[in-house]
């Protein structure tokens, strides 16, 4: 493998790491108000955006609520888990 091929692979890995999604899953115990408040506080969503995300999660079972790098999404994921929401980074 030459230097150019290696640099191309490194760029591709970095690009994939920067395009991850924070996914929120539906559950049967959190209220809409709790989910909406959490999205506003943790993900800095507007009230309207948070409400729409909560409705989509309720109807579809999951929704990508935020995208970005792993480093950016991890603190949000942990904060949402602390609030007993079910989330993952994909």
N, C-alpha and C. Protein backbone atom coordinates (compact mmCIF):
# COMPACT_ATOMS: atom_id res chain seq x y z
N UNK A 1 0.86 -1.18 0.00
CA UNK A 1 0.00 0.00 0.00
C UNK A 1 0.89 1.23 0.00
N UNK A 2 0.63 2.12 -0.93
CA UNK A 2 1.43 3.33 -0.97
C UNK A 2 0.82 4.41 -0.08
N UNK A 3 1.53 5.49 0.09
CA UNK A 3 1.12 6.59 0.97
C UNK A 3 -0.24 7.18 0.57
N UNK A 4 -0.46 7.33 -0.72
CA UNK A 4 -1.71 7.91 -1.23
C UNK A 4 -2.91 7.02 -0.88
N UNK A 5 -2.74 5.69 -1.03
CA UNK A 5 -3.82 4.77 -0.69
C UNK A 5 -4.10 4.82 0.81
N UNK A 6 -3.06 4.86 1.62
CA UNK A 6 -3.22 4.92 3.08
C UNK A 6 -3.94 6.19 3.49
N UNK A 7 -3.53 7.33 2.95
CA UNK A 7 -4.18 8.60 3.26
C UNK A 7 -5.65 8.58 2.86
N UNK A 8 -5.97 7.96 1.74
CA UNK A 8 -7.36 7.86 1.30
C UNK A 8 -8.20 7.04 2.26
N UNK A 9 -7.63 5.94 2.77
CA UNK A 9 -8.35 5.11 3.74
C UNK A 9 -8.55 5.85 5.05
N UNK A 10 -7.55 6.59 5.48
CA UNK A 10 -7.65 7.36 6.72
C UNK A 10 -8.74 8.42 6.59
N UNK A 11 -8.78 9.11 5.46
CA UNK A 11 -9.82 10.12 5.23
C UNK A 11 -11.21 9.49 5.25
N UNK A 12 -11.32 8.30 4.66
CA UNK A 12 -12.61 7.61 4.61
C UNK A 12 -13.06 7.22 6.01
N UNK A 13 -12.17 6.72 6.85
CA UNK A 13 -12.52 6.36 8.22
C UNK A 13 -12.93 7.58 9.02
N UNK A 14 -12.20 8.67 8.87
CA UNK A 14 -12.53 9.91 9.58
C UNK A 14 -13.89 10.41 9.14
N UNK A 15 -14.17 10.35 7.84
CA UNK A 15 -15.46 10.80 7.32
C UNK A 15 -16.59 9.96 7.89
N UNK A 16 -16.41 8.64 7.97
CA UNK A 16 -17.44 7.77 8.53
C UNK A 16 -17.67 8.09 10.01
N UNK A 17 -16.63 8.37 10.75
CA UNK A 17 -16.76 8.68 12.18
C UNK A 17 -17.47 10.02 12.38
N UNK A 18 -17.37 10.92 11.42
CA UNK A 18 -18.02 12.23 11.53
C UNK A 18 -19.48 12.20 11.09
N UNK A 19 -19.94 11.10 10.55
CA UNK A 19 -21.31 10.99 10.05
C UNK A 19 -22.08 9.90 10.80
N UNK A 20 -21.96 9.90 12.09
CA UNK A 20 -22.71 8.96 12.92
C UNK A 20 -24.02 9.61 13.34
N UNK A 21 -24.94 8.79 13.80
CA UNK A 21 -26.24 9.28 14.23
C UNK A 21 -26.54 8.85 15.65
N UNK A 22 -27.13 9.76 16.40
CA UNK A 22 -27.65 9.46 17.73
C UNK A 22 -29.10 9.07 17.53
N UNK A 23 -29.42 7.83 17.87
CA UNK A 23 -30.74 7.27 17.60
C UNK A 23 -31.50 7.11 18.92
N UNK A 24 -32.72 7.64 18.95
CA UNK A 24 -33.61 7.51 20.09
C UNK A 24 -34.64 6.44 19.78
N UNK A 25 -34.89 5.54 20.74
CA UNK A 25 -35.84 4.44 20.57
C UNK A 25 -37.07 4.66 21.44
N UNK A 26 -38.19 4.18 20.95
CA UNK A 26 -39.44 4.26 21.68
C UNK A 26 -39.40 3.32 22.89
N UNK A 27 -40.07 3.71 23.95
CA UNK A 27 -40.24 2.84 25.10
C UNK A 27 -41.65 3.05 25.65
N UNK A 28 -42.01 2.23 26.60
CA UNK A 28 -43.37 2.29 27.15
C UNK A 28 -43.45 2.99 28.50
N UNK A 29 -42.38 3.62 28.95
CA UNK A 29 -42.43 4.20 30.29
C UNK A 29 -42.09 5.68 30.36
N UNK A 30 -41.44 6.27 29.38
CA UNK A 30 -41.15 7.71 29.41
C UNK A 30 -42.30 8.49 28.79
N UNK A 31 -42.65 9.60 29.42
CA UNK A 31 -43.73 10.43 28.89
C UNK A 31 -43.21 11.30 27.74
N UNK A 32 -44.15 11.78 26.92
CA UNK A 32 -43.78 12.70 25.85
C UNK A 32 -43.09 13.93 26.44
N UNK A 33 -43.65 14.46 27.52
CA UNK A 33 -43.07 15.66 28.13
C UNK A 33 -41.62 15.43 28.56
N UNK A 34 -41.35 14.26 29.14
CA UNK A 34 -39.98 13.96 29.58
C UNK A 34 -39.04 13.87 28.38
N UNK A 35 -39.49 13.20 27.32
CA UNK A 35 -38.65 13.06 26.12
C UNK A 35 -38.39 14.43 25.49
N UNK A 36 -39.44 15.22 25.36
CA UNK A 36 -39.31 16.56 24.77
C UNK A 36 -38.37 17.43 25.59
N UNK A 37 -38.56 17.44 26.90
CA UNK A 37 -37.69 18.22 27.79
C UNK A 37 -36.23 17.76 27.67
N UNK A 38 -36.02 16.47 27.59
CA UNK A 38 -34.67 15.92 27.48
C UNK A 38 -34.01 16.34 26.17
N UNK A 39 -34.76 16.29 25.07
CA UNK A 39 -34.20 16.68 23.77
C UNK A 39 -33.86 18.16 23.74
N UNK A 40 -34.68 18.97 24.39
CA UNK A 40 -34.39 20.41 24.46
C UNK A 40 -33.14 20.65 25.30
N UNK A 41 -33.08 20.04 26.47
CA UNK A 41 -31.96 20.26 27.39
C UNK A 41 -30.64 19.69 26.89
N UNK A 42 -30.68 18.47 26.40
CA UNK A 42 -29.44 17.75 26.06
C UNK A 42 -29.00 18.02 24.62
N UNK A 43 -29.93 17.97 23.68
CA UNK A 43 -29.59 18.09 22.26
C UNK A 43 -29.79 19.49 21.71
N UNK A 44 -30.27 20.39 22.55
CA UNK A 44 -30.51 21.78 22.17
C UNK A 44 -31.51 21.91 21.02
N UNK A 45 -32.51 21.02 21.01
CA UNK A 45 -33.58 21.12 20.03
C UNK A 45 -34.52 22.26 20.42
N UNK A 46 -35.18 22.83 19.44
CA UNK A 46 -36.25 23.77 19.73
C UNK A 46 -37.43 22.96 20.26
N UNK A 47 -38.37 23.59 20.95
CA UNK A 47 -39.54 22.84 21.43
C UNK A 47 -40.29 22.14 20.29
N UNK A 48 -40.42 22.80 19.16
CA UNK A 48 -41.12 22.20 18.02
C UNK A 48 -40.36 20.99 17.48
N UNK A 49 -39.06 21.14 17.35
CA UNK A 49 -38.22 20.06 16.84
C UNK A 49 -38.27 18.87 17.79
N UNK A 50 -38.19 19.13 19.09
CA UNK A 50 -38.23 18.05 20.08
C UNK A 50 -39.57 17.32 20.04
N UNK A 51 -40.65 18.07 19.90
CA UNK A 51 -41.98 17.46 19.83
C UNK A 51 -42.11 16.58 18.59
N UNK A 52 -41.63 17.07 17.46
CA UNK A 52 -41.69 16.27 16.23
C UNK A 52 -40.87 15.00 16.34
N UNK A 53 -39.68 15.09 16.93
CA UNK A 53 -38.84 13.90 17.14
C UNK A 53 -39.55 12.89 18.03
N UNK A 54 -40.17 13.36 19.11
CA UNK A 54 -40.88 12.47 20.03
C UNK A 54 -42.03 11.77 19.31
N UNK A 55 -42.76 12.49 18.48
CA UNK A 55 -43.88 11.88 17.74
C UNK A 55 -43.38 10.85 16.73
N UNK A 56 -42.30 11.15 16.04
CA UNK A 56 -41.74 10.20 15.07
C UNK A 56 -41.28 8.94 15.79
N UNK A 57 -40.59 9.09 16.91
CA UNK A 57 -40.13 7.94 17.69
C UNK A 57 -41.33 7.10 18.14
N UNK A 58 -42.37 7.77 18.59
CA UNK A 58 -43.56 7.06 19.06
C UNK A 58 -44.19 6.23 17.94
N UNK A 59 -44.26 6.78 16.75
CA UNK A 59 -44.93 6.10 15.65
C UNK A 59 -44.04 5.12 14.88
N UNK A 60 -42.76 5.44 14.77
CA UNK A 60 -41.86 4.59 13.97
C UNK A 60 -40.98 3.67 14.80
N UNK A 61 -40.88 3.94 16.12
CA UNK A 61 -40.07 3.08 16.98
C UNK A 61 -38.65 3.56 17.21
N UNK A 62 -38.16 4.42 16.33
CA UNK A 62 -36.81 4.96 16.46
C UNK A 62 -36.67 6.17 15.55
N UNK A 63 -35.68 7.02 15.87
CA UNK A 63 -35.44 8.18 15.02
C UNK A 63 -34.03 8.71 15.28
N UNK A 64 -33.38 9.14 14.21
CA UNK A 64 -32.04 9.72 14.32
C UNK A 64 -32.20 11.18 14.73
N UNK A 65 -31.95 11.46 16.01
CA UNK A 65 -32.22 12.78 16.57
C UNK A 65 -31.08 13.77 16.41
N UNK A 66 -29.88 13.27 16.13
CA UNK A 66 -28.71 14.14 15.99
C UNK A 66 -27.68 13.40 15.16
N UNK A 67 -26.87 14.13 14.41
CA UNK A 67 -25.77 13.50 13.68
C UNK A 67 -24.49 14.28 13.94
N UNK A 68 -23.38 13.59 13.76
CA UNK A 68 -22.09 14.23 13.99
C UNK A 68 -21.03 13.21 14.30
N UNK A 69 -19.96 13.66 14.91
CA UNK A 69 -18.85 12.78 15.26
C UNK A 69 -19.16 12.04 16.56
N UNK A 70 -18.46 10.93 16.75
CA UNK A 70 -18.63 10.15 17.97
C UNK A 70 -18.32 11.00 19.20
N UNK A 71 -17.26 11.78 19.10
CA UNK A 71 -16.85 12.64 20.21
C UNK A 71 -17.95 13.64 20.58
N UNK A 72 -18.65 14.16 19.60
CA UNK A 72 -19.73 15.13 19.84
C UNK A 72 -21.00 14.44 20.38
N UNK A 73 -21.29 13.24 19.86
CA UNK A 73 -22.53 12.56 20.23
C UNK A 73 -22.46 11.81 21.56
N UNK A 74 -21.29 11.36 21.96
CA UNK A 74 -21.16 10.55 23.17
C UNK A 74 -21.68 11.25 24.43
N UNK A 75 -21.32 12.51 24.69
CA UNK A 75 -21.86 13.16 25.89
C UNK A 75 -23.39 13.28 25.86
N UNK A 76 -23.96 13.51 24.68
CA UNK A 76 -25.42 13.58 24.56
C UNK A 76 -26.03 12.22 24.86
N UNK A 77 -25.43 11.18 24.29
CA UNK A 77 -25.92 9.82 24.54
C UNK A 77 -25.92 9.52 26.03
N UNK A 78 -24.82 9.80 26.69
CA UNK A 78 -24.71 9.51 28.12
C UNK A 78 -25.72 10.31 28.94
N UNK A 79 -25.94 11.56 28.58
CA UNK A 79 -26.91 12.39 29.29
C UNK A 79 -28.33 11.86 29.10
N UNK A 80 -28.64 11.42 27.90
CA UNK A 80 -29.97 10.87 27.64
C UNK A 80 -30.17 9.54 28.37
N UNK A 81 -29.12 8.73 28.42
CA UNK A 81 -29.19 7.48 29.18
C UNK A 81 -29.39 7.78 30.67
N UNK A 82 -28.72 8.80 31.18
CA UNK A 82 -28.91 9.21 32.58
C UNK A 82 -30.36 9.60 32.84
N UNK A 83 -31.05 10.05 31.81
CA UNK A 83 -32.47 10.42 31.93
C UNK A 83 -33.38 9.24 31.60
N UNK A 84 -32.78 8.05 31.50
CA UNK A 84 -33.47 6.78 31.29
C UNK A 84 -34.13 6.67 29.91
N UNK A 85 -33.57 7.37 28.93
CA UNK A 85 -34.02 7.19 27.56
C UNK A 85 -33.14 6.13 26.89
N UNK A 86 -33.68 5.45 25.89
CA UNK A 86 -32.94 4.42 25.19
C UNK A 86 -32.38 5.01 23.91
N UNK A 87 -31.05 5.08 23.84
CA UNK A 87 -30.37 5.69 22.69
C UNK A 87 -29.14 4.88 22.31
N UNK A 88 -28.71 5.06 21.09
CA UNK A 88 -27.46 4.46 20.62
C UNK A 88 -26.81 5.38 19.60
N UNK A 89 -25.54 5.14 19.38
CA UNK A 89 -24.81 5.85 18.32
C UNK A 89 -24.57 4.82 17.22
N UNK A 90 -25.02 5.16 16.01
CA UNK A 90 -24.88 4.23 14.88
C UNK A 90 -24.22 4.93 13.71
